[in-house]
Amino acid sequence: MKPGNSLMKHYLQFKDFRAEEYAYLFERARLIKRRFKNYERYQPLADRTLAMIFEKASTRTRVSFEAGMYQMGGSVVHLTTGDSQLGRSEPIEDSARVISRMTDLVMIRTFEHTKIEAFAAHSRVPVINGLTNEFHPCQIMADLFTYLEHRAPVGANGYDLGCLKGKVVAWVGDGNNMANTWLQAAEILGFTVHVSTPSGYEVNPQVAGIRSSDCYKVFADPHEACRDADLVTTDVWTSMGFEAENEARRAAFADWCVDAEMMAVAKPDALFMHCLPAHRGEEVTAEVIDGPQSVVWDEAENRMHVQKALMEYLLLGRIG
């Protein structure tokens, strides 16, 4: 979808899509995953090329996008700052103009969100946020899809997103890109996020870009944030780019380790999620992440399935 085509979309933040678009994407992800599990060949993106640009290291993002694109019949070009002009002072606007003339879709994993916005503004093809300091929309898509898989019935039109209304997600830890994106998802889909962070590491609603504070509540005590939650989730205490703060963060976050006591005050059927990689004994105990309420492995796999649905949607529009 080239410039001048009003159908071209980018996916830079969770709030870029409406609730009904997510309902469609989750249904496509469900069907695409079913085909994958049944070894059914499905290659609607034959002759399409995805450019993946990494300024931050990655395991799950690279494998999920690369494997997903190949499974959909397409090809992948992998770029880093070390093997392209991106690390040699070429203006990002120029890189966008060139790369988007040679590929059909671009995924970027970088630091400042302004970089991906600048790239998208000068791209002829859709751009996907694979992670920035401020947002991680593909991960929250995968998390919500995982929750629906485990807790929502499948109707004639797929998952009923109305089942998310009134649910509580407990976010324990850093007010980072994941927390920002959870707030956006809550505002769009009608659930509530209970946020508990150490002092000095709070979520900034202005950065999250939410219109109302009704979608979240702040708790000084992480146990209270987890009380009666349907989902408890966390992330590493030190995100990429903040390694110099590691020791200070370990001290500040000592009481924000998700443990069995926190899970015990959540609902009996509450799920635990973590976007990985995880540091057992820091942000989560081994007992929790390896326990029966943890769905982190489904969550990790589902990155690939929701991203396949996303790429299909951005390149082909609605199917059927």
Protein backbone atom coordinates (compact mmCIF):
# COMPACT_ATOMS: atom_id res chain seq x y z
CA MET A 1 0.00 0.00 0.00
CA LYS A 2 1.88 3.04 -1.29
CA PRO A 3 1.41 6.76 -0.57
CA GLY A 4 -1.79 8.12 -1.98
CA ASN A 5 -3.58 4.97 -0.89
CA SER A 6 -5.84 6.06 1.96
CA LEU A 7 -5.97 2.47 3.19
CA MET A 8 -2.31 2.47 4.29
CA LYS A 9 -1.96 2.15 8.03
CA HIS A 10 0.97 2.13 10.42
CA TYR A 11 1.00 0.36 13.79
CA LEU A 12 3.11 2.51 16.11
CA GLN A 13 0.96 2.51 19.26
CA PHE A 14 -1.86 0.33 20.53
CA LYS A 15 -4.28 3.24 20.18
CA ASP A 16 -3.68 3.32 16.40
CA PHE A 17 -6.47 0.74 16.03
CA ARG A 18 -10.08 0.73 17.21
CA ALA A 19 -11.72 -1.98 19.31
CA GLU A 20 -13.48 -3.50 16.32
CA GLU A 21 -10.16 -3.76 14.48
CA TYR A 22 -8.72 -5.70 17.42
CA ALA A 23 -11.74 -8.00 17.37
CA TYR A 24 -10.98 -8.70 13.71
CA LEU A 25 -7.26 -9.19 14.32
CA PHE A 26 -7.78 -11.57 17.23
CA GLU A 27 -10.13 -13.68 15.10
CA ARG A 28 -7.60 -13.73 12.25
CA ALA A 29 -4.86 -14.69 14.72
CA ARG A 30 -7.03 -17.53 16.04
CA LEU A 31 -7.63 -18.89 12.53
CA ILE A 32 -4.01 -18.42 11.45
CA LYS A 33 -2.77 -20.18 14.59
CA ARG A 34 -5.17 -23.07 13.99
CA ARG A 35 -3.80 -23.48 10.48
CA PHE A 36 -0.24 -23.41 11.85
CA LYS A 37 -1.04 -26.11 14.43
CA ASN A 38 -2.68 -28.27 11.74
CA TYR A 39 0.31 -27.88 9.36
CA GLU A 40 -1.94 -26.22 6.78
CA ARG A 41 -0.05 -24.19 4.21
CA TYR A 42 -1.20 -20.56 4.18
CA GLN A 43 0.91 -18.07 2.21
CA PRO A 44 -1.06 -14.93 1.39
CA LEU A 45 2.08 -12.76 1.52
CA ALA A 46 3.98 -14.51 -1.28
CA ASP A 47 6.31 -12.07 -3.07
CA ARG A 48 6.05 -9.58 -0.21
CA THR A 49 9.15 -8.46 1.70
CA LEU A 50 9.43 -7.39 5.32
CA ALA A 51 12.38 -5.20 6.36
CA MET A 52 13.27 -5.66 10.03
CA ILE A 53 15.37 -2.87 11.56
CA PHE A 54 16.95 -3.51 14.95
CA GLU A 55 18.61 -0.82 17.03
CA LYS A 56 17.77 -2.83 20.18
CA ALA A 57 18.73 -6.47 20.60
CA SER A 58 15.98 -9.05 20.24
CA THR A 59 15.15 -12.73 20.50
CA ARG A 60 11.35 -13.05 20.46
CA THR A 61 10.73 -10.07 18.18
CA ARG A 62 13.16 -11.28 15.53
CA VAL A 63 12.11 -14.93 15.61
CA SER A 64 8.37 -14.17 15.70
CA PHE A 65 8.43 -11.69 12.82
CA GLU A 66 10.93 -13.59 10.70
CA ALA A 67 9.35 -17.02 11.14
CA GLY A 68 5.89 -15.52 10.74
CA MET A 69 6.73 -13.76 7.48
CA TYR A 70 8.34 -16.87 6.00
CA GLN A 71 5.35 -18.99 7.02
CA MET A 72 3.06 -16.50 5.28
CA GLY A 73 5.09 -16.94 2.08
CA GLY A 74 7.08 -13.72 2.23
CA SER A 75 10.74 -12.79 2.52
CA VAL A 76 12.69 -10.93 5.18
CA VAL A 77 15.57 -8.43 5.13
CA HIS A 78 17.32 -8.09 8.50
CA LEU A 79 19.09 -4.81 9.26
CA THR A 80 20.98 -3.51 12.29
CA THR A 81 22.81 -0.25 12.93
CA GLY A 82 26.06 -2.18 12.52
CA ASP A 83 25.43 -3.43 8.98
CA SER A 84 23.57 -0.51 7.41
CA GLN A 85 23.70 3.26 7.01
CA LEU A 86 21.33 3.57 9.98
CA GLY A 87 24.37 3.59 12.26
CA ARG A 88 26.37 5.99 10.07
CA SER A 89 24.46 9.24 10.47
CA GLU A 90 22.19 8.92 7.42
CA PRO A 91 19.00 10.86 8.24
CA ILE A 92 16.24 8.46 9.21
CA GLU A 93 13.96 10.21 6.73
CA ASP A 94 16.34 9.23 3.90
CA SER A 95 16.54 5.63 5.13
CA ALA A 96 12.75 5.50 5.20
CA ARG A 97 12.43 6.82 1.65
CA VAL A 98 14.89 4.22 0.31
CA ILE A 99 13.95 1.13 2.33
CA SER A 100 10.23 1.62 1.73
CA ARG A 101 10.80 1.74 -2.06
CA MET A 102 12.36 -1.73 -1.97
CA THR A 103 10.15 -3.55 0.56
CA ASP A 104 6.45 -3.90 1.34
CA LEU A 105 6.47 -3.62 5.14
CA VAL A 106 8.89 -2.36 7.79
CA MET A 107 9.24 -3.42 11.43
CA ILE A 108 11.46 -1.26 13.66
CA ARG A 109 12.75 -1.99 17.16
CA THR A 110 14.48 1.12 18.46
CA PHE A 111 14.92 3.51 21.38
CA GLU A 112 13.13 6.89 21.11
CA HIS A 113 9.59 6.66 19.77
CA THR A 114 10.21 9.83 17.75
CA LYS A 115 12.52 7.79 15.50
CA ILE A 116 9.83 5.39 14.40
CA GLU A 117 7.39 8.27 13.94
CA ALA A 118 9.89 10.05 11.67
CA PHE A 119 10.46 6.87 9.68
CA ALA A 120 6.73 6.26 9.27
CA ALA A 121 6.13 9.86 8.17
CA HIS A 122 8.46 9.29 5.20
CA SER A 123 7.64 5.66 4.42
CA ARG A 124 5.72 4.49 1.37
CA VAL A 125 4.73 1.26 3.17
CA PRO A 126 3.24 0.33 6.55
CA VAL A 127 5.53 0.55 9.57
CA ILE A 128 5.19 -1.64 12.69
CA ASN A 129 6.55 -0.82 16.13
CA GLY A 130 8.56 -3.83 17.33
CA LEU A 131 9.34 -1.92 20.55
CA THR A 132 10.36 1.59 21.53
CA ASN A 133 11.23 3.10 24.89
CA GLU A 134 7.67 4.32 25.17
CA PHE A 135 5.46 1.57 23.66
CA HIS A 136 5.30 -2.15 22.89
CA PRO A 137 1.96 -2.66 21.10
CA CYS A 138 2.66 -6.07 19.50
CA GLN A 139 3.40 -7.55 22.92
CA ILE A 140 0.14 -6.30 24.42
CA MET A 141 -1.73 -7.67 21.41
CA ALA A 142 -0.18 -11.06 22.15
CA ASP A 143 -0.97 -10.77 25.86
CA LEU A 144 -4.62 -9.96 25.25
CA PHE A 145 -4.94 -12.72 22.67
CA THR A 146 -3.44 -15.15 25.19
CA TYR A 147 -5.93 -14.04 27.84
CA LEU A 148 -8.81 -14.53 25.40
CA GLU A 149 -7.55 -17.99 24.47
CA HIS A 150 -7.57 -19.06 28.09
CA ARG A 151 -10.65 -17.25 29.39
CA ALA A 152 -13.04 -16.30 26.57
CA PRO A 153 -15.52 -18.53 24.73
CA VAL A 154 -15.37 -18.57 20.94
CA GLY A 155 -18.60 -17.43 19.32
CA ALA A 156 -19.76 -17.36 15.73
CA ASN A 157 -17.67 -14.23 15.11
CA GLY A 158 -14.69 -15.23 17.23
CA TYR A 159 -13.87 -13.89 20.67
CA ASP A 160 -16.30 -11.45 22.26
CA LEU A 161 -14.12 -8.56 23.43
CA GLY A 162 -16.99 -7.53 25.68
CA CYS A 163 -15.70 -10.16 28.10
CA LEU A 164 -12.75 -7.86 28.82
CA LYS A 165 -14.97 -5.12 30.19
CA GLY A 166 -14.69 -4.89 33.94
CA LYS A 167 -11.63 -7.13 34.11
CA VAL A 168 -8.61 -6.07 36.17
CA VAL A 169 -5.00 -6.31 35.04
CA ALA A 170 -2.42 -5.80 37.80
CA TRP A 171 0.80 -4.23 36.57
CA VAL A 172 3.60 -4.67 39.13
CA GLY A 173 6.98 -3.05 38.53
CA ASP A 174 8.37 -0.35 36.26
CA GLY A 175 6.17 2.31 34.65
CA ASN A 176 7.73 1.48 31.29
CA ASN A 177 6.69 0.92 27.66
CA MET A 178 4.65 -2.13 28.62
CA ALA A 179 2.76 -0.23 31.32
CA ASN A 180 2.08 2.66 28.92
CA THR A 181 0.67 0.25 26.36
CA TRP A 182 -1.49 -1.57 28.89
CA LEU A 183 -3.10 1.79 29.75
CA GLN A 184 -3.89 2.44 26.10
CA ALA A 185 -5.38 -1.05 25.74
CA ALA A 186 -7.51 -0.58 28.86
CA GLU A 187 -8.95 2.69 27.56
CA ILE A 188 -9.84 1.16 24.19
CA LEU A 189 -11.17 -2.20 25.39
CA GLY A 190 -12.83 -1.24 28.66
CA PHE A 191 -10.85 -2.97 31.39
CA THR A 192 -8.89 -1.47 34.31
CA VAL A 193 -5.18 -1.57 35.07
CA HIS A 194 -4.04 -1.58 38.68
CA VAL A 195 -0.59 -0.01 38.58
CA SER A 196 1.96 -0.41 41.36
CA THR A 197 5.46 0.96 40.91
CA PRO A 198 8.18 2.14 43.29
CA SER A 199 8.34 5.87 43.91
CA GLY A 200 10.12 7.58 41.05
CA TYR A 201 9.17 4.92 38.49
CA GLU A 202 5.50 5.78 38.00
CA VAL A 203 3.56 5.58 34.76
CA ASN A 204 3.24 8.94 33.06
CA PRO A 205 -0.30 9.23 31.63
CA GLN A 206 0.86 12.02 29.31
CA VAL A 207 3.41 9.70 27.71
CA ALA A 208 0.81 6.94 27.52
CA GLY A 209 -1.45 9.41 25.74
CA ILE A 210 -4.66 8.32 27.39
CA ARG A 211 -7.62 10.68 27.51
CA SER A 212 -9.01 9.66 30.91
CA SER A 213 -7.74 8.33 34.23
CA ASP A 214 -10.77 6.04 34.50
CA CYS A 215 -8.87 3.13 32.92
CA TYR A 216 -6.29 2.77 35.69
CA LYS A 217 -5.78 3.01 39.44
CA VAL A 218 -2.49 3.54 41.27
CA PHE A 219 -1.49 1.50 44.33
CA ALA A 220 1.52 2.07 46.57
CA ASP A 221 1.28 -1.54 47.78
CA PRO A 222 1.73 -4.13 45.01
CA HIS A 223 -0.30 -6.67 47.00
CA GLU A 224 -3.29 -4.32 46.91
CA ALA A 225 -2.83 -3.84 43.18
CA CYS A 226 -3.05 -7.61 42.74
CA ARG A 227 -6.15 -8.02 44.92
CA ASP A 228 -8.98 -9.60 42.88
CA ALA A 229 -7.03 -9.16 39.63
CA ASP A 230 -7.85 -11.36 36.64
CA LEU A 231 -4.33 -11.07 35.29
CA VAL A 232 -1.05 -10.25 37.04
CA THR A 233 1.84 -9.14 34.86
CA THR A 234 5.29 -7.62 35.17
CA ASP A 235 8.54 -6.98 33.30
CA VAL A 236 12.24 -6.77 34.06
CA TRP A 237 13.24 -4.02 36.44
CA THR A 238 15.86 -2.61 34.07
CA SER A 239 14.81 -2.22 30.45
CA MET A 240 17.32 -1.95 27.59
CA GLY A 241 18.96 1.44 27.58
CA PHE A 242 18.78 1.84 31.36
CA GLU A 243 21.54 -0.58 32.36
CA ALA A 244 23.49 2.14 34.20
CA GLU A 245 20.59 2.28 36.70
CA ASN A 246 20.62 -1.45 37.40
CA GLU A 247 21.85 -1.41 41.00
CA ALA A 248 19.67 1.54 42.00
CA ARG A 249 16.66 -0.19 40.46
CA ARG A 250 17.34 -3.47 42.26
CA ALA A 251 17.20 -1.63 45.56
CA ALA A 252 14.12 0.42 44.66
CA PHE A 253 12.14 -2.55 43.29
CA ALA A 254 12.93 -5.07 46.04
CA ASP A 255 9.30 -5.19 47.25
CA TRP A 256 7.87 -5.47 43.72
CA CYS A 257 8.76 -9.09 43.03
CA VAL A 258 5.64 -10.99 41.98
CA ASP A 259 5.47 -13.95 44.35
CA ALA A 260 2.99 -16.53 45.58
CA GLU A 261 1.57 -14.10 48.13
CA MET A 262 0.64 -11.61 45.41
CA MET A 263 -0.92 -14.32 43.26
CA ALA A 264 -2.86 -15.58 46.29
CA VAL A 265 -4.75 -12.28 46.66
CA ALA A 266 -5.61 -12.19 42.95
CA LYS A 267 -8.64 -14.14 41.75
CA PRO A 268 -8.26 -17.92 42.08
CA ASP A 269 -8.17 -18.32 38.29
CA ALA A 270 -5.89 -15.31 37.67
CA LEU A 271 -3.25 -15.73 34.99
CA PHE A 272 0.37 -14.61 35.24
CA MET A 273 2.19 -13.07 32.26
CA HIS A 274 5.67 -11.76 31.56
CA CYS A 275 6.91 -10.53 28.17
CA LEU A 276 10.33 -12.17 28.74
CA PRO A 277 13.25 -12.42 29.18
CA ALA A 278 12.65 -12.98 32.89
CA HIS A 279 15.02 -12.82 35.85
CA ARG A 280 13.76 -15.35 38.37
CA GLY A 281 14.22 -14.05 41.87
CA GLU A 282 14.04 -10.40 40.77
CA GLU A 283 10.75 -9.26 39.24
CA VAL A 284 9.13 -12.70 39.65
CA THR A 285 9.80 -15.84 41.65
CA ALA A 286 10.44 -19.16 39.95
CA GLU A 287 7.43 -20.52 41.83
CA VAL A 288 5.15 -18.10 39.97
CA ILE A 289 6.62 -18.01 36.46
CA ASP A 290 7.00 -21.79 36.37
CA GLY A 291 3.75 -22.41 38.22
CA PRO A 292 0.27 -23.47 37.04
CA GLN A 293 -1.10 -19.93 36.64
CA SER A 294 1.71 -18.85 34.33
CA VAL A 295 0.98 -18.69 30.61
CA VAL A 296 4.25 -17.07 29.56
CA TRP A 297 5.10 -19.70 26.94
CA ASP A 298 1.72 -19.38 25.22
CA GLU A 299 2.17 -15.62 25.46
CA ALA A 300 5.60 -15.78 23.78
CA GLU A 301 4.36 -18.03 20.96
CA ASN A 302 1.35 -15.83 20.37
CA ARG A 303 3.60 -12.94 19.40
CA MET A 304 4.06 -14.76 16.10
CA HIS A 305 0.39 -15.47 15.51
CA VAL A 306 -0.91 -11.96 16.25
CA GLN A 307 1.89 -10.42 14.20
CA LYS A 308 1.02 -12.66 11.24
CA ALA A 309 -2.54 -11.38 11.48
CA LEU A 310 -1.22 -7.81 11.78
CA MET A 311 1.03 -8.10 8.72
CA GLU A 312 -1.79 -9.65 6.70
CA TYR A 313 -4.11 -6.80 7.71
CA LEU A 314 -1.61 -4.03 6.95
CA LEU A 315 -0.76 -5.47 3.53
CA LEU A 316 -4.02 -6.98 2.34
CA GLY A 317 -6.74 -5.32 4.40
CA ARG A 318 -9.63 -7.41 5.68
CA ILE A 319 -9.89 -10.98 4.43
CA GLY A 320 -13.40 -12.10 3.57
